[in-house]
């Protein structure tokens, strides 16, 4: 598999004290090298002002353009700033996809508070990554139900469900199998036996993306889940890099 670029779709930059995460780029690069990760898609959700985080991500990409791919972050806390910051992040900073973090807003991305963000993303056929469900969700919420609504309302958005292939997640697999433009990402703090196999069998090898959640999780460990999975070599190549290359048009 050495011919396949390994792309980590879910990685963070910046300091996050409560998780023991510092802003040590050299350490991230050493772990990437040890794991054989060629490029990492980096985002930061650590600032109340998205401009600060997006600027920091853009600087990291400019310094290490062969190692990092930038993902923008936006929050609907300041609705008048949402569209100008999206335009700046994508048209001027050159970031490649969007990360949202509804946990901060305590409203999920199928709530109208996110509609201006998603309408803009839909107009541009952007990739949007988010957690699929949240602790504050009503018990009636399901992943297939949530994304059936989102796919219908925003049909050009390509959705990446963070962590959704990291465990045995029947709802996520059902949603990806039933709906277009849904991708399941592999990082998780748990190591459910057969999780990668379950995602590939249920959603298809074209719908799974490798991610690590570095530096919150160990990139070597997260890579091992895919490399040791009982799936075909071609499926591993797709998950580790080819699907990300196609999705982001790298």
Protein backbone atom coordinates (compact mmCIF):
# COMPACT_ATOMS: atom_id res chain seq x y z
CA UNK A 1 0.00 0.00 0.00
CA UNK A 2 3.02 2.27 -0.12
CA UNK A 3 1.83 3.71 -3.46
CA UNK A 4 -1.32 5.10 -1.84
CA UNK A 5 -1.05 8.48 -0.09
CA UNK A 6 -2.38 8.17 3.45
CA UNK A 7 -4.65 11.10 4.31
CA UNK A 8 -5.98 11.74 7.79
CA UNK A 9 -9.37 13.40 7.29
CA UNK A 10 -9.93 14.38 10.92
CA UNK A 11 -7.15 16.11 12.82
CA UNK A 12 -6.89 19.20 15.02
CA UNK A 13 -4.49 22.08 15.59
CA UNK A 14 -4.34 24.53 18.46
CA UNK A 15 -4.28 24.32 22.26
CA UNK A 16 -7.14 22.76 24.21
CA UNK A 17 -6.12 22.73 27.85
CA UNK A 18 -8.93 20.61 29.29
CA UNK A 19 -7.92 17.76 26.98
CA UNK A 20 -4.18 18.15 27.60
CA UNK A 21 -3.68 19.24 24.00
CA UNK A 22 -0.93 21.73 23.21
CA UNK A 23 -0.02 23.37 19.93
CA UNK A 24 3.09 21.32 19.12
CA UNK A 25 3.27 20.97 15.35
CA UNK A 26 6.63 19.21 15.48
CA UNK A 27 5.13 16.44 17.62
CA UNK A 28 2.20 16.03 15.24
CA UNK A 29 4.59 15.72 12.30
CA UNK A 30 6.69 13.12 14.15
CA UNK A 31 3.61 11.04 14.87
CA UNK A 32 2.47 11.38 11.26
CA UNK A 33 5.87 10.17 10.11
CA UNK A 34 5.86 7.27 12.57
CA UNK A 35 2.39 6.20 11.40
CA UNK A 36 3.08 6.73 7.71
CA UNK A 37 0.47 9.48 7.37
CA UNK A 38 1.34 11.67 4.41
CA UNK A 39 -1.15 14.52 4.90
CA UNK A 40 -3.59 15.56 7.60
CA UNK A 41 -6.76 17.61 7.21
CA UNK A 42 -6.52 20.06 10.10
CA UNK A 43 -9.14 22.21 11.78
CA UNK A 44 -9.41 24.16 15.01
CA UNK A 45 -12.61 24.62 16.97
CA UNK A 46 -10.89 26.16 19.98
CA UNK A 47 -11.67 29.84 19.43
CA UNK A 48 -14.97 31.64 19.96
CA UNK A 49 -13.95 33.84 17.04
CA UNK A 50 -13.63 31.54 14.00
CA UNK A 51 -11.35 34.07 12.27
CA UNK A 52 -8.55 33.32 14.73
CA UNK A 53 -8.79 29.60 14.18
CA UNK A 54 -9.10 29.83 10.40
CA UNK A 55 -6.11 32.16 10.23
CA UNK A 56 -4.07 29.71 12.31
CA UNK A 57 -5.03 26.80 10.08
CA UNK A 58 -4.15 28.77 6.95
CA UNK A 59 -0.73 29.60 8.41
CA UNK A 60 -0.04 25.95 9.19
CA UNK A 61 -0.95 24.96 5.64
CA UNK A 62 1.23 27.71 4.18
CA UNK A 63 4.23 26.51 6.21
CA UNK A 64 3.72 22.80 5.49
CA UNK A 65 1.69 22.65 2.27
CA UNK A 66 2.76 19.07 1.53
CA UNK A 67 1.63 17.80 4.95
CA UNK A 68 -1.55 19.69 5.85
CA UNK A 69 -4.92 20.37 4.23
CA UNK A 70 -6.97 23.15 5.80
CA UNK A 71 -10.56 22.81 7.01
CA UNK A 72 -12.54 25.92 7.94
CA UNK A 73 -14.61 26.30 11.09
CA UNK A 74 -17.71 28.44 11.47
CA UNK A 75 -20.20 29.03 14.28
CA UNK A 76 -23.69 30.56 14.03
CA UNK A 77 -23.21 32.38 17.34
CA UNK A 78 -22.62 35.58 15.33
CA UNK A 79 -25.03 35.30 12.38
CA UNK A 80 -23.98 38.56 10.70
CA UNK A 81 -20.39 37.28 10.47
CA UNK A 82 -21.13 33.80 9.09
CA UNK A 83 -21.21 34.46 5.34
CA UNK A 84 -18.32 36.99 5.28
CA UNK A 85 -16.14 34.54 7.20
CA UNK A 86 -17.09 31.64 4.93
CA UNK A 87 -16.19 33.74 1.89
CA UNK A 88 -12.89 34.77 3.46
CA UNK A 89 -12.00 31.22 4.56
CA UNK A 90 -12.63 29.64 1.16
CA UNK A 91 -11.98 32.45 -1.33
CA UNK A 92 -8.97 34.08 0.35
CA UNK A 93 -7.46 31.55 2.76
CA UNK A 94 -7.99 28.63 0.40
CA UNK A 95 -9.40 26.19 2.97
CA UNK A 96 -10.85 23.02 1.46
CA UNK A 97 -13.86 21.91 3.49
CA UNK A 98 -15.98 22.94 6.47
CA UNK A 99 -16.01 21.64 10.05
CA UNK A 100 -18.96 22.53 12.28
CA UNK A 101 -19.28 21.77 15.98
CA UNK A 102 -22.90 22.07 17.12
CA UNK A 103 -21.96 21.09 20.68
CA UNK A 104 -20.97 24.72 21.29
CA UNK A 105 -24.35 26.02 20.09
CA UNK A 106 -26.39 23.21 21.66
CA UNK A 107 -28.43 23.05 18.48
CA UNK A 108 -27.81 20.37 15.90
CA UNK A 109 -27.07 21.15 12.27
CA UNK A 110 -30.63 20.33 11.21
CA UNK A 111 -31.79 23.31 13.31
CA UNK A 112 -32.61 26.53 11.39
CA UNK A 113 -29.74 28.30 13.15
CA UNK A 114 -27.40 26.42 10.80
CA UNK A 115 -29.40 26.92 7.60
CA UNK A 116 -27.48 30.02 6.35
CA UNK A 117 -24.22 28.10 6.73
CA UNK A 118 -25.54 25.04 4.95
CA UNK A 119 -27.25 27.01 2.17
CA UNK A 120 -23.90 28.64 1.41
CA UNK A 121 -22.18 25.25 1.51
CA UNK A 122 -24.86 23.76 -0.71
CA UNK A 123 -24.40 26.49 -3.32
CA UNK A 124 -20.71 25.52 -3.51
CA UNK A 125 -21.13 21.74 -3.19
CA UNK A 126 -18.85 21.77 -0.16
CA UNK A 127 -17.80 18.92 2.08
CA UNK A 128 -19.12 19.46 5.63
CA UNK A 129 -17.89 17.40 8.58
CA UNK A 130 -19.79 17.14 11.85
CA UNK A 131 -20.69 14.71 14.57
CA UNK A 132 -23.91 12.96 13.58
CA UNK A 133 -25.65 12.96 16.98
CA UNK A 134 -25.26 14.89 20.23
CA UNK A 135 -25.88 14.41 23.92
CA UNK A 136 -28.50 17.15 23.84
CA UNK A 137 -30.54 15.44 21.10
CA UNK A 138 -34.06 14.30 21.85
CA UNK A 139 -34.35 10.52 22.20
CA UNK A 140 -36.44 10.40 19.02
CA UNK A 141 -33.54 11.64 16.83
CA UNK A 142 -31.96 9.07 14.54
CA UNK A 143 -29.06 9.47 12.14
CA UNK A 144 -31.05 8.26 9.09
CA UNK A 145 -33.90 10.62 9.97
CA UNK A 146 -31.60 13.59 10.52
CA UNK A 147 -29.70 13.11 7.28
CA UNK A 148 -32.74 12.27 5.20
CA UNK A 149 -33.91 15.79 6.03
CA UNK A 150 -30.48 17.37 5.47
CA UNK A 151 -29.83 15.59 2.17
CA UNK A 152 -33.24 16.61 0.86
CA UNK A 153 -32.83 20.26 1.89
CA UNK A 154 -29.11 20.57 0.99
CA UNK A 155 -28.61 17.96 -1.77
CA UNK A 156 -25.24 19.24 -3.02
CA UNK A 157 -23.47 19.11 0.34
CA UNK A 158 -21.15 16.12 0.84
CA UNK A 159 -21.46 15.06 4.49
CA UNK A 160 -18.71 13.46 6.57
CA UNK A 161 -20.00 11.90 9.79
CA UNK A 162 -17.14 12.19 12.27
CA UNK A 163 -16.39 8.99 14.26
CA UNK A 164 -19.27 7.16 12.59
CA UNK A 165 -17.11 4.26 11.37
CA UNK A 166 -15.14 4.03 14.61
CA UNK A 167 -17.59 1.65 16.25
CA UNK A 168 -20.50 -0.62 15.41
CA UNK A 169 -22.89 2.18 14.44
CA UNK A 170 -25.93 0.66 12.73
CA UNK A 171 -27.71 4.00 12.32
CA UNK A 172 -24.74 5.59 10.55
CA UNK A 173 -24.29 2.60 8.24
CA UNK A 174 -28.01 2.58 7.42
CA UNK A 175 -27.92 6.30 6.61
CA UNK A 176 -24.89 5.97 4.33
CA UNK A 177 -26.42 2.99 2.55
CA UNK A 178 -29.77 4.70 2.00
CA UNK A 179 -28.70 8.26 1.21
CA UNK A 180 -26.26 9.85 -1.26
CA UNK A 181 -23.30 12.00 -0.30
CA UNK A 182 -22.72 10.53 3.18
CA UNK A 183 -19.26 9.39 4.29
CA UNK A 184 -18.29 7.69 7.55
CA UNK A 185 -15.02 8.59 9.24
CA UNK A 186 -13.08 6.05 11.30
CA UNK A 187 -11.53 7.68 14.39
CA UNK A 188 -12.77 6.76 17.85
CA UNK A 189 -11.47 6.42 21.38
CA UNK A 190 -12.86 2.89 21.48
CA UNK A 191 -11.57 -0.09 19.54
CA UNK A 192 -14.69 -2.06 18.72
CA UNK A 193 -13.69 -5.35 17.12
CA UNK A 194 -14.81 -5.48 13.50
CA UNK A 195 -15.87 -1.83 13.29
CA UNK A 196 -14.06 -1.12 10.01
CA UNK A 197 -15.36 -4.34 8.49
CA UNK A 198 -18.90 -3.45 9.62
CA UNK A 199 -18.71 0.00 8.02
CA UNK A 200 -17.31 -1.31 4.73
CA UNK A 201 -19.81 -4.14 4.49
CA UNK A 202 -22.76 -1.89 5.31
CA UNK A 203 -21.91 1.44 3.69
CA UNK A 204 -19.43 0.37 1.00
CA UNK A 205 -15.70 0.87 0.68
CA UNK A 206 -16.20 4.12 -1.25
CA UNK A 207 -17.99 5.75 1.70
CA UNK A 208 -15.40 5.32 4.48
CA UNK A 209 -12.64 7.83 5.29
CA UNK A 210 -9.62 7.36 7.55
CA UNK A 211 -9.28 9.82 10.44
CA UNK A 212 -7.29 9.96 13.67
CA UNK A 213 -8.57 12.86 15.83
CA UNK A 214 -4.90 13.71 16.50
CA UNK A 215 -3.56 14.92 18.84
CA UNK A 216 -6.51 13.87 20.99
CA UNK A 217 -5.99 10.26 19.89
CA UNK A 218 -2.92 8.31 18.76
CA UNK A 219 -2.47 8.34 14.99
CA UNK A 220 -0.56 5.04 15.00
CA UNK A 221 -3.36 3.27 16.84
CA UNK A 222 -6.04 4.76 14.59
CA UNK A 223 -4.16 3.71 11.46
CA UNK A 224 -3.73 0.18 12.79
CA UNK A 225 -7.51 -0.31 12.91
CA UNK A 226 -7.67 0.08 9.14
CA UNK A 227 -4.44 -1.70 8.22
CA UNK A 228 -5.32 -4.81 10.25
CA UNK A 229 -9.00 -4.92 9.23
CA UNK A 230 -10.22 -8.03 7.41
CA UNK A 231 -11.06 -6.17 4.19
CA UNK A 232 -9.50 -6.17 0.76
CA UNK A 233 -6.30 -4.31 -0.02
CA UNK A 234 -8.23 -2.15 -2.46
CA UNK A 235 -10.71 -1.21 0.26
CA UNK A 236 -7.83 -0.23 2.54
CA UNK A 237 -6.32 1.94 -0.20
CA UNK A 238 -9.63 3.70 -0.67
CA UNK A 239 -10.18 4.32 3.03
CA UNK A 240 -6.63 5.45 3.73
CA UNK A 241 -6.39 7.96 0.92
CA UNK A 242 -8.15 7.42 -2.38
CA UNK A 243 -11.61 8.34 -1.10
CA UNK A 244 -10.30 11.59 0.41
CA UNK A 245 -8.46 12.45 -2.81
CA UNK A 246 -11.66 11.97 -4.79
CA UNK A 247 -13.88 13.79 -2.28
CA UNK A 248 -11.64 16.85 -1.97
CA UNK A 249 -10.45 16.75 -5.60
CA UNK A 250 -6.81 16.74 -4.47
